[in-house]
């Protein structure tokens, strides 16, 4: 599922760690984020691994502080992102 608290970030973190462990370069991209951030969670669990500095970069393309679905958060904060911008 795509709902909150189904474990998407935990699975993503596991994939990032596995790839770093296997000396792969990882570019983690989260297109939309509202009400928090995955990057800090992933950073917390990846820091201390060997080669982290050389193998991992995390980016969020559109971020809103309001803990709601991105379409509602963007309207509330008056920072809309069109489908064309996201794609």
PDB file of N, CA and C in Angstrom:
ATOM      1  N   UNK A   1       0.811  -1.176   0.000  1.00  0.00           N
ATOM      2  CA  UNK A   1       0.000   0.000   0.000  1.00  0.00           C
ATOM      3  C   UNK A   1       0.860   1.248   0.000  1.00  0.00           C
ATOM      4  N   UNK A   2       0.225   2.348  -0.190  1.00  0.00           N
ATOM      5  CA  UNK A   2       0.923   3.628  -0.238  1.00  0.00           C
ATOM      6  C   UNK A   2       0.547   4.528   0.931  1.00  0.00           C
ATOM      7  N   UNK A   3      -0.227   4.025   1.866  1.00  0.00           N
ATOM      8  CA  UNK A   3      -0.662   4.836   2.993  1.00  0.00           C
ATOM      9  C   UNK A   3       0.468   5.069   3.987  1.00  0.00           C
ATOM     10  N   UNK A   4       0.222   5.941   4.952  1.00  0.00           N
ATOM     11  CA  UNK A   4       1.181   6.233   6.009  1.00  0.00           C
ATOM     12  C   UNK A   4       1.363   5.007   6.903  1.00  0.00           C
ATOM     13  N   UNK A   5       2.579   4.816   7.371  1.00  0.00           N
ATOM     14  CA  UNK A   5       2.903   3.758   8.335  1.00  0.00           C
ATOM     15  C   UNK A   5       2.721   2.335   7.818  1.00  0.00           C
ATOM     16  N   UNK A   6       2.935   2.119   6.521  1.00  0.00           N
ATOM     17  CA  UNK A   6       2.885   0.752   5.998  1.00  0.00           C
ATOM     18  C   UNK A   6       4.281   0.164   5.830  1.00  0.00           C
ATOM     19  N   UNK A   7       5.332   0.971   6.065  1.00  0.00           N
ATOM     20  CA  UNK A   7       6.688   0.464   6.043  1.00  0.00           C
ATOM     21  C   UNK A   7       7.505   0.782   4.802  1.00  0.00           C
ATOM     22  N   UNK A   8       7.046   1.705   3.981  1.00  0.00           N
ATOM     23  CA  UNK A   8       7.776   2.042   2.753  1.00  0.00           C
ATOM     24  C   UNK A   8       9.180   2.548   3.063  1.00  0.00           C
ATOM     25  N   UNK A   9       9.318   3.407   4.055  1.00  0.00           N
ATOM     26  CA  UNK A   9      10.620   3.967   4.396  1.00  0.00           C
ATOM     27  C   UNK A   9      11.531   2.909   4.991  1.00  0.00           C
ATOM     28  N   UNK A  10      10.981   2.014   5.790  1.00  0.00           N
ATOM     29  CA  UNK A  10      11.782   0.937   6.384  1.00  0.00           C
ATOM     30  C   UNK A  10      12.319   0.033   5.281  1.00  0.00           C
ATOM     31  N   UNK A  11      11.480  -0.311   4.320  1.00  0.00           N
ATOM     32  CA  UNK A  11      11.929  -1.145   3.199  1.00  0.00           C
ATOM     33  C   UNK A  11      12.968  -0.391   2.372  1.00  0.00           C
ATOM     34  N   UNK A  12      12.725   0.890   2.118  1.00  0.00           N
ATOM     35  CA  UNK A  12      13.678   1.699   1.351  1.00  0.00           C
ATOM     36  C   UNK A  12      15.029   1.760   2.064  1.00  0.00           C
ATOM     37  N   UNK A  13      15.011   1.925   3.381  1.00  0.00           N
ATOM     38  CA  UNK A  13      16.241   1.974   4.159  1.00  0.00           C
ATOM     39  C   UNK A  13      17.000   0.653   4.057  1.00  0.00           C
ATOM     40  N   UNK A  14      16.293  -0.439   4.110  1.00  0.00           N
ATOM     41  CA  UNK A  14      16.927  -1.753   3.969  1.00  0.00           C
ATOM     42  C   UNK A  14      17.583  -1.909   2.606  1.00  0.00           C
ATOM     43  N   UNK A  15      16.913  -1.436   1.557  1.00  0.00           N
ATOM     44  CA  UNK A  15      17.479  -1.503   0.210  1.00  0.00           C
ATOM     45  C   UNK A  15      18.731  -0.629   0.095  1.00  0.00           C
ATOM     46  N   UNK A  16      18.662   0.570   0.686  1.00  0.00           N
ATOM     47  CA  UNK A  16      19.821   1.471   0.666  1.00  0.00           C
ATOM     48  C   UNK A  16      21.001   0.813   1.382  1.00  0.00           C
ATOM     49  N   UNK A  17      20.756   0.290   2.583  1.00  0.00           N
ATOM     50  CA  UNK A  17      21.833  -0.335   3.358  1.00  0.00           C
ATOM     51  C   UNK A  17      22.429  -1.532   2.624  1.00  0.00           C
ATOM     52  N   UNK A  18      21.588  -2.350   2.032  1.00  0.00           N
ATOM     53  CA  UNK A  18      22.064  -3.524   1.304  1.00  0.00           C
ATOM     54  C   UNK A  18      22.955  -3.126   0.137  1.00  0.00           C
ATOM     55  N   UNK A  19      22.541  -2.111  -0.587  1.00  0.00           N
ATOM     56  CA  UNK A  19      23.338  -1.665  -1.729  1.00  0.00           C
ATOM     57  C   UNK A  19      24.652  -1.032  -1.300  1.00  0.00           C
ATOM     58  N   UNK A  20      24.641  -0.261  -0.226  1.00  0.00           N
ATOM     59  CA  UNK A  20      25.886   0.326   0.284  1.00  0.00           C
ATOM     60  C   UNK A  20      26.819  -0.796   0.742  1.00  0.00           C
ATOM     61  N   UNK A  21      26.250  -1.771   1.443  1.00  0.00           N
ATOM     62  CA  UNK A  21      27.053  -2.907   1.909  1.00  0.00           C
ATOM     63  C   UNK A  21      27.728  -3.625   0.735  1.00  0.00           C
ATOM     64  N   UNK A  22      27.070  -3.630  -0.420  1.00  0.00           N
ATOM     65  CA  UNK A  22      27.614  -4.273  -1.616  1.00  0.00           C
ATOM     66  C   UNK A  22      28.366  -3.288  -2.515  1.00  0.00           C
ATOM     67  N   UNK A  23      28.786  -2.160  -1.898  1.00  0.00           N
ATOM     68  CA  UNK A  23      29.594  -1.145  -2.597  1.00  0.00           C
ATOM     69  C   UNK A  23      28.925  -0.560  -3.835  1.00  0.00           C
ATOM     70  N   UNK A  24      27.619  -0.432  -3.788  1.00  0.00           N
ATOM     71  CA  UNK A  24      26.873   0.197  -4.878  1.00  0.00           C
ATOM     72  C   UNK A  24      26.620   1.656  -4.533  1.00  0.00           C
ATOM     73  N   UNK A  25      26.569   2.499  -5.525  1.00  0.00           N
ATOM     74  CA  UNK A  25      26.228   3.903  -5.325  1.00  0.00           C
ATOM     75  C   UNK A  25      24.707   4.017  -5.285  1.00  0.00           C
ATOM     76  N   UNK A  26      24.192   4.719  -4.273  1.00  0.00           N
ATOM     77  CA  UNK A  26      22.750   4.841  -4.081  1.00  0.00           C
ATOM     78  C   UNK A  26      22.345   6.307  -4.137  1.00  0.00           C
ATOM     79  N   UNK A  27      21.405   6.616  -4.996  1.00  0.00           N
ATOM     80  CA  UNK A  27      20.770   7.932  -5.055  1.00  0.00           C
ATOM     81  C   UNK A  27      19.305   7.737  -4.707  1.00  0.00           C
ATOM     82  N   UNK A  28      18.951   8.081  -3.469  1.00  0.00           N
ATOM     83  CA  UNK A  28      17.577   7.910  -2.980  1.00  0.00           C
ATOM     84  C   UNK A  28      16.796   9.172  -3.315  1.00  0.00           C
ATOM     85  N   UNK A  29      15.725   9.018  -4.067  1.00  0.00           N
ATOM     86  CA  UNK A  29      14.902  10.162  -4.462  1.00  0.00           C
ATOM     87  C   UNK A  29      13.480   9.922  -3.999  1.00  0.00           C
ATOM     88  N   UNK A  30      12.969  10.885  -3.250  1.00  0.00           N
ATOM     89  CA  UNK A  30      11.565  10.864  -2.841  1.00  0.00           C
ATOM     90  C   UNK A  30      10.904  12.031  -3.562  1.00  0.00           C
ATOM     91  N   UNK A  31       9.991  11.761  -4.488  1.00  0.00           N
ATOM     92  CA  UNK A  31       9.391  12.853  -5.259  1.00  0.00           C
ATOM     93  C   UNK A  31       8.583  13.833  -4.401  1.00  0.00           C
ATOM     94  N   UNK A  32       7.747  13.319  -3.503  1.00  0.00           N
ATOM     95  CA  UNK A  32       6.869  14.165  -2.693  1.00  0.00           C
ATOM     96  C   UNK A  32       6.974  13.760  -1.231  1.00  0.00           C
ATOM     97  N   UNK A  33       7.054  14.751  -0.325  1.00  0.00           N
ATOM     98  CA  UNK A  33       7.112  14.466   1.102  1.00  0.00           C
ATOM     99  C   UNK A  33       6.326  15.519   1.852  1.00  0.00           C
ATOM    100  N   UNK A  34       5.442  15.084   2.716  1.00  0.00           N
ATOM    101  CA  UNK A  34       4.718  16.036   3.560  1.00  0.00           C
ATOM    102  C   UNK A  34       4.755  15.546   4.999  1.00  0.00           C
ATOM    103  N   UNK A  35       4.918  16.511   5.912  1.00  0.00           N
ATOM    104  CA  UNK A  35       4.881  16.202   7.331  1.00  0.00           C
ATOM    105  C   UNK A  35       6.044  15.393   7.864  1.00  0.00           C
ATOM    106  N   UNK A  36       7.240  15.690   7.474  1.00  0.00           N
ATOM    107  CA  UNK A  36       8.397  14.959   7.970  1.00  0.00           C
ATOM    108  C   UNK A  36       9.335  14.644   6.837  1.00  0.00           C
ATOM    109  N   UNK A  37      10.282  13.767   7.091  1.00  0.00           N
ATOM    110  CA  UNK A  37      11.224  13.452   6.035  1.00  0.00           C
ATOM    111  C   UNK A  37      11.829  12.075   6.149  1.00  0.00           C
ATOM    112  N   UNK A  38      11.916  11.378   5.026  1.00  0.00           N
ATOM    113  CA  UNK A  38      12.546  10.066   4.989  1.00  0.00           C
ATOM    114  C   UNK A  38      14.056  10.164   5.061  1.00  0.00           C
ATOM    115  N   UNK A  39      14.605  11.241   4.517  1.00  0.00           N
ATOM    116  CA  UNK A  39      16.065  11.359   4.456  1.00  0.00           C
ATOM    117  C   UNK A  39      16.690  11.273   5.841  1.00  0.00           C
ATOM    118  N   UNK A  40      16.088  11.920   6.837  1.00  0.00           N
ATOM    119  CA  UNK A  40      16.659  11.888   8.187  1.00  0.00           C
ATOM    120  C   UNK A  40      16.579  10.482   8.771  1.00  0.00           C
ATOM    121  N   UNK A  41      15.504   9.758   8.503  1.00  0.00           N
ATOM    122  CA  UNK A  41      15.369   8.382   8.977  1.00  0.00           C
ATOM    123  C   UNK A  41      16.435   7.502   8.338  1.00  0.00           C
ATOM    124  N   UNK A  42      16.594   7.632   7.035  1.00  0.00           N
ATOM    125  CA  UNK A  42      17.582   6.830   6.324  1.00  0.00           C
ATOM    126  C   UNK A  42      18.995   7.198   6.769  1.00  0.00           C
ATOM    127  N   UNK A  43      19.276   8.510   6.874  1.00  0.00           N
ATOM    128  CA  UNK A  43      20.596   8.945   7.338  1.00  0.00           C
ATOM    129  C   UNK A  43      20.940   8.322   8.690  1.00  0.00           C
ATOM    130  N   UNK A  44      19.964   8.334   9.602  1.00  0.00           N
ATOM    131  CA  UNK A  44      20.176   7.807  10.946  1.00  0.00           C
ATOM    132  C   UNK A  44      20.579   6.330  10.905  1.00  0.00           C
ATOM    133  N   UNK A  45      19.994   5.567  10.002  1.00  0.00           N
ATOM    134  CA  UNK A  45      20.257   4.130   9.934  1.00  0.00           C
ATOM    135  C   UNK A  45      21.416   3.761   9.017  1.00  0.00           C
ATOM    136  N   UNK A  46      21.870   4.715   8.204  1.00  0.00           N
ATOM    137  CA  UNK A  46      22.958   4.450   7.269  1.00  0.00           C
ATOM    138  C   UNK A  46      24.285   4.969   7.803  1.00  0.00           C
ATOM    139  N   UNK A  47      24.239   6.033   8.612  1.00  0.00           N
ATOM    140  CA  UNK A  47      25.480   6.602   9.161  1.00  0.00           C
ATOM    141  C   UNK A  47      26.239   5.537   9.928  1.00  0.00           C
ATOM    142  N   UNK A  48      27.539   5.590   9.806  1.00  0.00           N
ATOM    143  CA  UNK A  48      28.379   4.622  10.490  1.00  0.00           C
ATOM    144  C   UNK A  48      28.741   3.440   9.622  1.00  0.00           C
ATOM    145  N   UNK A  49      28.018   3.250   8.532  1.00  0.00           N
ATOM    146  CA  UNK A  49      28.391   2.186   7.600  1.00  0.00           C
ATOM    147  C   UNK A  49      29.617   2.640   6.823  1.00  0.00           C
ATOM    148  N   UNK A  50      30.471   1.720   6.494  1.00  0.00           N
ATOM    149  CA  UNK A  50      31.634   2.056   5.668  1.00  0.00           C
ATOM    150  C   UNK A  50      31.161   2.535   4.296  1.00  0.00           C
ATOM    151  N   UNK A  51      31.895   3.470   3.731  1.00  0.00           N
ATOM    152  CA  UNK A  51      31.640   3.995   2.392  1.00  0.00           C
ATOM    153  C   UNK A  51      30.369   4.832   2.259  1.00  0.00           C
ATOM    154  N   UNK A  52      29.717   5.148   3.370  1.00  0.00           N
ATOM    155  CA  UNK A  52      28.471   5.907   3.272  1.00  0.00           C
ATOM    156  C   UNK A  52      28.678   7.232   2.554  1.00  0.00           C
ATOM    157  N   UNK A  53      29.732   7.941   2.878  1.00  0.00           N
ATOM    158  CA  UNK A  53      29.966   9.263   2.289  1.00  0.00           C
ATOM    159  C   UNK A  53      30.147   9.181   0.778  1.00  0.00           C
ATOM    160  N   UNK A  54      30.711   8.114   0.296  1.00  0.00           N
ATOM    161  CA  UNK A  54      30.976   7.982  -1.130  1.00  0.00           C
ATOM    162  C   UNK A  54      29.847   7.312  -1.895  1.00  0.00           C
ATOM    163  N   UNK A  55      28.929   6.667  -1.186  1.00  0.00           N
ATOM    164  CA  UNK A  55      27.943   5.829  -1.865  1.00  0.00           C
ATOM    165  C   UNK A  55      26.508   6.309  -1.771  1.00  0.00           C
ATOM    166  N   UNK A  56      26.205   7.279  -0.918  1.00  0.00           N
ATOM    167  CA  UNK A  56      24.792   7.611  -0.676  1.00  0.00           C
ATOM    168  C   UNK A  56      24.513   9.102  -0.810  1.00  0.00           C
ATOM    169  N   UNK A  57      23.455   9.395  -1.550  1.00  0.00           N
ATOM    170  CA  UNK A  57      22.887  10.741  -1.596  1.00  0.00           C
ATOM    171  C   UNK A  57      21.379  10.610  -1.532  1.00  0.00           C
ATOM    172  N   UNK A  58      20.745  11.465  -0.753  1.00  0.00           N
ATOM    173  CA  UNK A  58      19.289  11.465  -0.654  1.00  0.00           C
ATOM    174  C   UNK A  58      18.726  12.814  -1.071  1.00  0.00           C
ATOM    175  N   UNK A  59      17.624  12.786  -1.801  1.00  0.00           N
ATOM    176  CA  UNK A  59      17.004  14.015  -2.294  1.00  0.00           C
ATOM    177  C   UNK A  59      15.482  13.913  -2.210  1.00  0.00           C
ATOM    178  N   UNK A  60      14.856  14.990  -1.785  1.00  0.00           N
ATOM    179  CA  UNK A  60      13.406  15.113  -1.844  1.00  0.00           C
ATOM    180  C   UNK A  60      13.104  16.256  -2.798  1.00  0.00           C
ATOM    181  N   UNK A  61      12.271  15.985  -3.792  1.00  0.00           N
ATOM    182  CA  UNK A  61      12.023  16.980  -4.834  1.00  0.00           C
ATOM    183  C   UNK A  61      11.026  18.050  -4.409  1.00  0.00           C
ATOM    184  N   UNK A  62       9.945  17.662  -3.738  1.00  0.00           N
ATOM    185  CA  UNK A  62       8.930  18.600  -3.260  1.00  0.00           C
ATOM    186  C   UNK A  62       8.607  18.242  -1.820  1.00  0.00           C
ATOM    187  N   UNK A  63       8.659  19.257  -0.916  1.00  0.00           N
ATOM    188  CA  UNK A  63       8.462  18.998   0.511  1.00  0.00           C
ATOM    189  C   UNK A  63       7.499  20.034   1.119  1.00  0.00           C
ATOM    190  N   UNK A  64       6.601  19.537   1.977  1.00  0.00           N
ATOM    191  CA  UNK A  64       5.690  20.392   2.728  1.00  0.00           C
ATOM    192  C   UNK A  64       5.737  19.974   4.195  1.00  0.00           C
ATOM    193  N   UNK A  65       5.590  20.933   5.093  1.00  0.00           N
ATOM    194  CA  UNK A  65       5.661  20.650   6.524  1.00  0.00           C
ATOM    195  C   UNK A  65       4.376  20.040   7.075  1.00  0.00           C
ATOM    196  N   UNK A  66       3.252  20.346   6.478  1.00  0.00           N
ATOM    197  CA  UNK A  66       1.949  19.896   6.973  1.00  0.00           C
ATOM    198  C   UNK A  66       1.829  18.375   6.859  1.00  0.00           C
ATOM    199  N   UNK A  67       1.489  17.704   7.974  1.00  0.00           N
ATOM    200  CA  UNK A  67       1.320  16.249   7.921  1.00  0.00           C
ATOM    201  C   UNK A  67      -0.035  15.869   7.324  1.00  0.00           C
ATOM    202  N   UNK A  68      -0.098  15.868   6.017  1.00  0.00           N
ATOM    203  CA  UNK A  68      -1.312  15.517   5.278  1.00  0.00           C
ATOM    204  C   UNK A  68      -0.867  15.008   3.915  1.00  0.00           C
ATOM    205  N   UNK A  69      -1.820  14.562   3.131  1.00  0.00           N
ATOM    206  CA  UNK A  69      -1.455  14.121   1.780  1.00  0.00           C
ATOM    207  C   UNK A  69      -0.843  15.303   1.037  1.00  0.00           C
ATOM    208  N   UNK A  70       0.081  15.044   0.131  1.00  0.00           N
ATOM    209  CA  UNK A  70       0.762  16.146  -0.556  1.00  0.00           C
ATOM    210  C   UNK A  70      -0.175  17.147  -1.226  1.00  0.00           C
ATOM    211  N   UNK A  71      -1.282  16.681  -1.813  1.00  0.00           N
ATOM    212  CA  UNK A  71      -2.175  17.637  -2.474  1.00  0.00           C
ATOM    213  C   UNK A  71      -2.838  18.576  -1.466  1.00  0.00           C
ATOM    214  N   UNK A  72      -3.148  18.088  -0.270  1.00  0.00           N
ATOM    215  CA  UNK A  72      -3.735  18.953   0.759  1.00  0.00           C
ATOM    216  C   UNK A  72      -2.679  19.846   1.401  1.00  0.00           C
ATOM    217  N   UNK A  73      -1.516  19.283   1.693  1.00  0.00           N
ATOM    218  CA  UNK A  73      -0.441  20.063   2.317  1.00  0.00           C
ATOM    219  C   UNK A  73      -0.004  21.199   1.404  1.00  0.00           C
ATOM    220  N   UNK A  74       0.112  20.939   0.117  1.00  0.00           N
ATOM    221  CA  UNK A  74       0.555  21.989  -0.811  1.00  0.00           C
ATOM    222  C   UNK A  74      -0.454  23.119  -0.891  1.00  0.00           C
ATOM    223  N   UNK A  75      -1.727  22.786  -0.842  1.00  0.00           N
ATOM    224  CA  UNK A  75      -2.764  23.837  -0.857  1.00  0.00           C
ATOM    225  C   UNK A  75      -2.743  24.646   0.434  1.00  0.00           C
ATOM    226  N   UNK A  76      -2.636  23.948   1.572  1.00  0.00           N
ATOM    227  CA  UNK A  76      -2.636  24.633   2.871  1.00  0.00           C
ATOM    228  C   UNK A  76      -1.454  25.591   2.982  1.00  0.00           C
ATOM    229  N   UNK A  77      -0.290  25.194   2.477  1.00  0.00           N
ATOM    230  CA  UNK A  77       0.913  26.016   2.573  1.00  0.00           C
ATOM    231  C   UNK A  77       1.078  26.943   1.379  1.00  0.00           C
ATOM    232  N   UNK A  78       0.115  26.926   0.478  1.00  0.00           N
ATOM    233  CA  UNK A  78       0.147  27.759  -0.724  1.00  0.00           C
ATOM    234  C   UNK A  78       1.440  27.552  -1.526  1.00  0.00           C
ATOM    235  N   UNK A  79       1.848  26.290  -1.623  1.00  0.00           N
ATOM    236  CA  UNK A  79       3.021  25.913  -2.411  1.00  0.00           C
ATOM    237  C   UNK A  79       2.644  24.744  -3.328  1.00  0.00           C
ATOM    238  N   UNK A  80       1.764  25.014  -4.298  1.00  0.00           N
ATOM    239  CA  UNK A  80       1.302  23.921  -5.147  1.00  0.00           C
ATOM    240  C   UNK A  80       2.395  23.399  -6.077  1.00  0.00           C
ATOM    241  N   UNK A  81       2.271  22.142  -6.446  1.00  0.00           N
ATOM    242  CA  UNK A  81       3.129  21.522  -7.447  1.00  0.00           C
ATOM    243  C   UNK A  81       2.208  20.826  -8.440  1.00  0.00           C
ATOM    244  N   UNK A  82       2.283  21.220  -9.669  1.00  0.00           N
ATOM    245  CA  UNK A  82       1.424  20.626 -10.685  1.00  0.00           C
ATOM    246  C   UNK A  82       1.925  19.228 -11.064  1.00  0.00           C
ATOM    247  N   UNK A  83       1.052  18.460 -11.678  1.00  0.00           N
ATOM    248  CA  UNK A  83       1.456  17.135 -12.149  1.00  0.00           C
ATOM    249  C   UNK A  83       2.626  17.253 -13.125  1.00  0.00           C
ATOM    250  N   UNK A  84       2.593  18.264 -13.971  1.00  0.00           N
ATOM    251  CA  UNK A  84       3.686  18.460 -14.938  1.00  0.00           C
ATOM    252  C   UNK A  84       5.008  18.729 -14.236  1.00  0.00           C
ATOM    253  N   UNK A  85       4.995  19.507 -13.149  1.00  0.00           N
ATOM    254  CA  UNK A  85       6.229  19.779 -12.408  1.00  0.00           C
ATOM    255  C   UNK A  85       6.775  18.506 -11.777  1.00  0.00           C
ATOM    256  N   UNK A  86       5.889  17.710 -11.218  1.00  0.00           N
ATOM    257  CA  UNK A  86       6.307  16.495 -10.531  1.00  0.00           C
ATOM    258  C   UNK A  86       6.852  15.480 -11.533  1.00  0.00           C
ATOM    259  N   UNK A  87       6.194  15.374 -12.667  1.00  0.00           N
ATOM    260  CA  UNK A  87       6.629  14.405 -13.678  1.00  0.00           C
ATOM    261  C   UNK A  87       7.817  14.936 -14.417  1.00  0.00           C
TER     262      UNK A  87
END
